Protein backbone atom coordinates (compact mmCIF):
# COMPACT_ATOMS: atom_id res chain seq x y z
CA MET A 1 -61.64 -74.23 -20.44
CA ASN A 2 -64.67 -74.22 -22.72
CA ASP A 3 -66.74 -71.23 -23.86
CA GLN A 4 -69.45 -71.81 -21.25
CA GLN A 5 -66.91 -71.80 -18.41
CA GLN A 6 -65.42 -68.56 -19.74
CA ILE A 7 -68.85 -66.92 -19.95
CA LYS A 8 -69.71 -67.96 -16.37
CA HIS A 9 -66.38 -66.69 -15.11
CA GLN A 10 -66.77 -63.38 -16.92
CA LEU A 11 -70.29 -62.83 -15.56
CA ARG A 12 -69.14 -63.65 -12.01
CA MET A 13 -66.22 -61.21 -12.28
CA GLN A 14 -68.48 -58.50 -13.71
CA ARG A 15 -70.80 -58.83 -10.71
CA LYS A 16 -67.83 -58.73 -8.36
CA LYS A 17 -66.39 -55.65 -10.08
CA SER A 18 -69.75 -53.84 -9.85
CA HIS A 19 -69.92 -54.57 -6.12
CA ILE A 20 -66.32 -53.45 -5.48
CA ASP A 21 -66.72 -50.31 -7.62
CA ALA A 22 -69.84 -49.38 -5.64
CA GLN A 23 -67.97 -49.82 -2.34
CA ILE A 24 -65.08 -47.68 -3.59
CA ALA A 25 -67.50 -44.96 -4.73
CA LYS A 26 -69.00 -44.82 -1.21
CA SER A 27 -65.56 -44.39 0.37
CA ASN A 28 -65.25 -40.63 -0.01
CA GLN A 29 -63.90 -39.58 3.40
CA ASP A 30 -60.33 -38.40 3.90
CA LYS A 31 -59.00 -38.57 7.46
CA GLY A 32 -56.11 -39.70 9.59
CA LEU A 33 -56.53 -43.33 10.57
CA ILE A 34 -55.79 -45.32 13.69
CA VAL A 35 -54.61 -48.78 12.67
CA LEU A 36 -54.43 -51.30 15.50
CA LEU A 37 -52.42 -54.52 15.06
CA THR A 38 -53.05 -56.93 17.93
CA GLY A 39 -53.24 -60.63 18.73
CA ASN A 40 -50.71 -63.27 19.75
CA GLY A 41 -49.32 -63.92 16.28
CA LYS A 42 -45.95 -62.80 14.96
CA GLY A 43 -45.79 -59.85 12.60
CA LYS A 44 -47.51 -56.91 14.29
CA SER A 45 -44.44 -54.69 14.41
CA SER A 46 -43.25 -55.96 11.03
CA SER A 47 -46.57 -54.92 9.50
CA ALA A 48 -46.30 -51.49 11.11
CA PHE A 49 -42.80 -50.99 9.73
CA GLY A 50 -44.02 -52.05 6.30
CA MET A 51 -46.43 -49.11 6.50
CA VAL A 52 -43.52 -46.90 7.55
CA ALA A 53 -41.73 -47.89 4.32
CA ARG A 54 -44.89 -47.13 2.35
CA ALA A 55 -45.22 -43.70 3.99
CA ILE A 56 -41.58 -42.85 3.29
CA GLY A 57 -42.16 -43.78 -0.33
CA HIS A 58 -44.79 -41.04 -0.42
CA GLY A 59 -42.41 -38.52 1.15
CA MET A 60 -44.21 -38.52 4.50
CA ARG A 61 -42.60 -37.79 7.86
CA VAL A 62 -42.78 -40.59 10.44
CA GLY A 63 -42.31 -40.75 14.21
CA VAL A 64 -41.67 -44.12 15.85
CA ALA A 65 -42.07 -44.65 19.61
CA GLN A 66 -41.00 -48.18 20.50
CA PHE A 67 -42.11 -49.19 23.99
CA ILE A 68 -41.03 -52.18 26.12
CA LYS A 69 -38.27 -53.24 23.73
CA ASN A 70 -34.78 -51.99 24.46
CA ARG A 71 -32.78 -53.55 21.61
CA ARG A 72 -30.82 -51.11 19.47
CA ASP A 73 -29.54 -53.73 17.00
CA THR A 74 -32.67 -54.53 14.99
CA GLY A 75 -32.61 -54.39 11.21
CA GLU A 76 -35.61 -52.08 10.99
CA GLU A 77 -34.07 -49.48 13.29
CA ALA A 78 -30.73 -49.66 11.48
CA PHE A 79 -32.50 -49.14 8.15
CA PHE A 80 -35.08 -46.50 9.04
CA ASN A 81 -32.79 -44.46 11.31
CA GLN A 82 -30.77 -43.56 8.23
CA HIS A 83 -33.76 -41.89 6.62
CA PRO A 84 -34.14 -38.13 7.18
CA ASN A 85 -37.95 -38.40 7.36
CA VAL A 86 -37.93 -40.85 10.28
CA GLU A 87 -37.48 -40.04 13.97
CA TRP A 88 -37.05 -43.29 15.91
CA HIS A 89 -37.01 -43.72 19.69
CA VAL A 90 -36.41 -46.96 21.60
CA LEU A 91 -38.17 -46.20 24.88
CA GLY A 92 -38.19 -49.45 26.85
CA ASP A 93 -35.97 -51.13 29.40
CA GLY A 94 -36.72 -54.63 28.15
CA PHE A 95 -39.47 -57.11 28.87
CA THR A 96 -41.00 -57.12 32.34
CA TRP A 97 -39.43 -60.47 33.19
CA ASP A 98 -36.05 -58.89 32.48
CA THR A 99 -36.52 -55.66 34.46
CA GLN A 100 -38.45 -57.17 37.41
CA ASN A 101 -38.86 -53.63 38.71
CA LEU A 102 -42.41 -52.25 38.64
CA ALA A 103 -41.52 -48.70 39.70
CA GLN A 104 -38.84 -48.49 37.01
CA ASP A 105 -41.20 -49.87 34.36
CA ILE A 106 -43.86 -47.27 35.23
CA GLN A 107 -41.33 -44.44 35.17
CA THR A 108 -39.94 -45.61 31.82
CA ALA A 109 -43.47 -45.81 30.39
CA GLU A 110 -44.25 -42.28 31.59
CA GLN A 111 -41.05 -40.90 30.05
CA GLY A 112 -41.69 -42.75 26.81
CA TRP A 113 -45.26 -41.56 26.59
CA LEU A 114 -44.01 -37.94 26.66
CA VAL A 115 -42.25 -38.68 23.36
CA ALA A 116 -45.44 -40.20 21.95
CA GLU A 117 -47.51 -37.21 23.09
CA ARG A 118 -45.07 -34.89 21.34
CA PHE A 119 -45.54 -36.84 18.09
CA LEU A 120 -49.33 -36.89 18.50
CA ALA A 121 -49.46 -33.11 19.00
CA ASP A 122 -47.35 -32.25 15.95
CA ALA A 123 -48.97 -32.23 12.49
CA ARG A 124 -45.53 -32.45 10.86
CA TYR A 125 -45.54 -36.15 11.76
CA GLN A 126 -47.93 -37.60 9.22
CA VAL A 127 -47.52 -41.16 10.49
CA VAL A 128 -46.86 -42.15 14.10
CA VAL A 129 -46.03 -45.70 15.18
CA LEU A 130 -46.68 -46.64 18.81
CA ASP A 131 -45.01 -50.04 18.89
CA GLU A 132 -45.96 -52.38 21.77
CA MET A 133 -48.09 -49.60 23.26
CA THR A 134 -50.94 -51.89 24.36
CA TYR A 135 -48.82 -53.24 27.21
CA LEU A 136 -48.62 -49.82 28.84
CA LEU A 137 -52.40 -49.91 29.22
CA ASN A 138 -52.68 -53.63 30.06
CA TYR A 139 -50.19 -53.27 32.91
CA HIS A 140 -51.78 -49.97 34.06
CA TRP A 141 -48.51 -48.11 33.66
CA LEU A 142 -50.41 -45.29 31.96
CA GLU A 143 -53.93 -44.00 32.51
CA GLU A 144 -55.98 -45.23 29.56
CA GLN A 145 -58.04 -42.05 29.29
CA ARG A 146 -54.87 -39.99 28.88
CA VAL A 147 -53.83 -42.17 25.93
CA LEU A 148 -57.28 -42.13 24.34
CA ASP A 149 -57.51 -38.34 24.65
CA ALA A 150 -54.12 -37.87 22.99
CA LEU A 151 -55.21 -40.12 20.13
CA ARG A 152 -58.56 -38.35 19.70
CA ASN A 153 -57.02 -34.86 19.82
CA ARG A 154 -54.18 -35.50 17.37
CA PRO A 155 -54.00 -33.57 14.05
CA ALA A 156 -56.89 -34.53 11.77
CA MET A 157 -54.78 -36.04 8.98
CA GLN A 158 -52.24 -37.82 11.17
CA HIS A 159 -52.19 -41.61 10.87
CA VAL A 160 -51.34 -43.71 13.95
CA ILE A 161 -50.28 -47.35 13.95
CA ILE A 162 -50.50 -49.13 17.30
CA THR A 163 -49.12 -52.61 17.96
CA GLY A 164 -49.25 -55.05 20.85
CA ARG A 165 -51.14 -58.01 22.26
CA ALA A 166 -54.48 -57.88 24.07
CA ALA A 167 -55.64 -54.45 22.93
CA SER A 168 -58.24 -53.02 25.28
CA PRO A 169 -61.91 -52.75 24.22
CA ALA A 170 -61.68 -48.95 24.34
CA LEU A 171 -58.67 -48.93 22.04
CA ILE A 172 -60.38 -51.32 19.62
CA ALA A 173 -63.48 -49.11 19.62
CA LEU A 174 -61.43 -46.00 18.84
CA ALA A 175 -59.39 -47.55 16.01
CA ASP A 176 -60.51 -47.30 12.39
CA THR A 177 -58.85 -50.55 11.31
CA VAL A 178 -58.15 -53.49 13.62
CA SER A 179 -56.28 -56.64 12.61
CA GLU A 180 -55.74 -59.57 14.94
CA LEU A 181 -52.77 -61.78 14.14
CA VAL A 182 -53.27 -65.41 15.15
CA ASP A 183 -50.44 -67.58 16.43
CA VAL A 184 -50.64 -70.87 14.52
CA LYS A 185 -47.01 -71.98 14.75
CA HIS A 186 -43.74 -70.33 15.79
CA ALA A 187 -40.15 -71.45 15.23
CA TYR A 188 -39.23 -70.32 18.76
CA ARG A 189 -41.24 -73.16 20.25
CA ALA A 190 -39.18 -75.62 18.20
CA GLY A 191 -36.02 -74.29 19.84
CA ILE A 192 -34.97 -72.02 16.96
CA GLN A 193 -33.43 -68.74 18.06
CA ALA A 194 -34.41 -65.32 16.65
CA GLN A 195 -33.04 -64.91 13.14
CA LYS A 196 -31.57 -61.77 11.57
CA GLY A 197 -33.77 -60.37 8.84
CA ILE A 198 -36.81 -62.24 10.14
CA ASP A 199 -37.04 -61.58 13.87
CA LEU A 200 -34.31 -58.97 14.39
């Protein structure tokens, strides 16, 4: 690298730093966030549980409501259930193609949502994860307005992380941060079973 390249690089980074510093200076609000992780790609729940680890590192209390899924042998549950600041509930009966019982699925969703509502009404839970919650709205197992009202009326500094495919327009509009994970390639389609530490 010659001197001219270094000078150009330094000037470019100075401009970038000025822009970023100005954006940071404008970000002066403090509020509980709704983070929505959607899309067909792998990693929505994993991202949410990464934020759970981050919250625990700050001494925060976390409530996890895990819908649809019924597995009790996942690595994340085994790990986080040991932590005194985490309350974890597996609230599903399994995927719809496993249950094949619409009335049961609706009843399970209703019962599970009562747990979520309890979290969302209690300021002691600083972070709430609603894992796979979008399906409850997509399948019309819960009234969407009831869910949106609970999210809007939660404690002001409570953060909520919602995961699941095909998030509704109303949920996207309400969220503060929305990330869509794109499915480019998945080992499952090559005949590779779910792997401990990666998928389970």
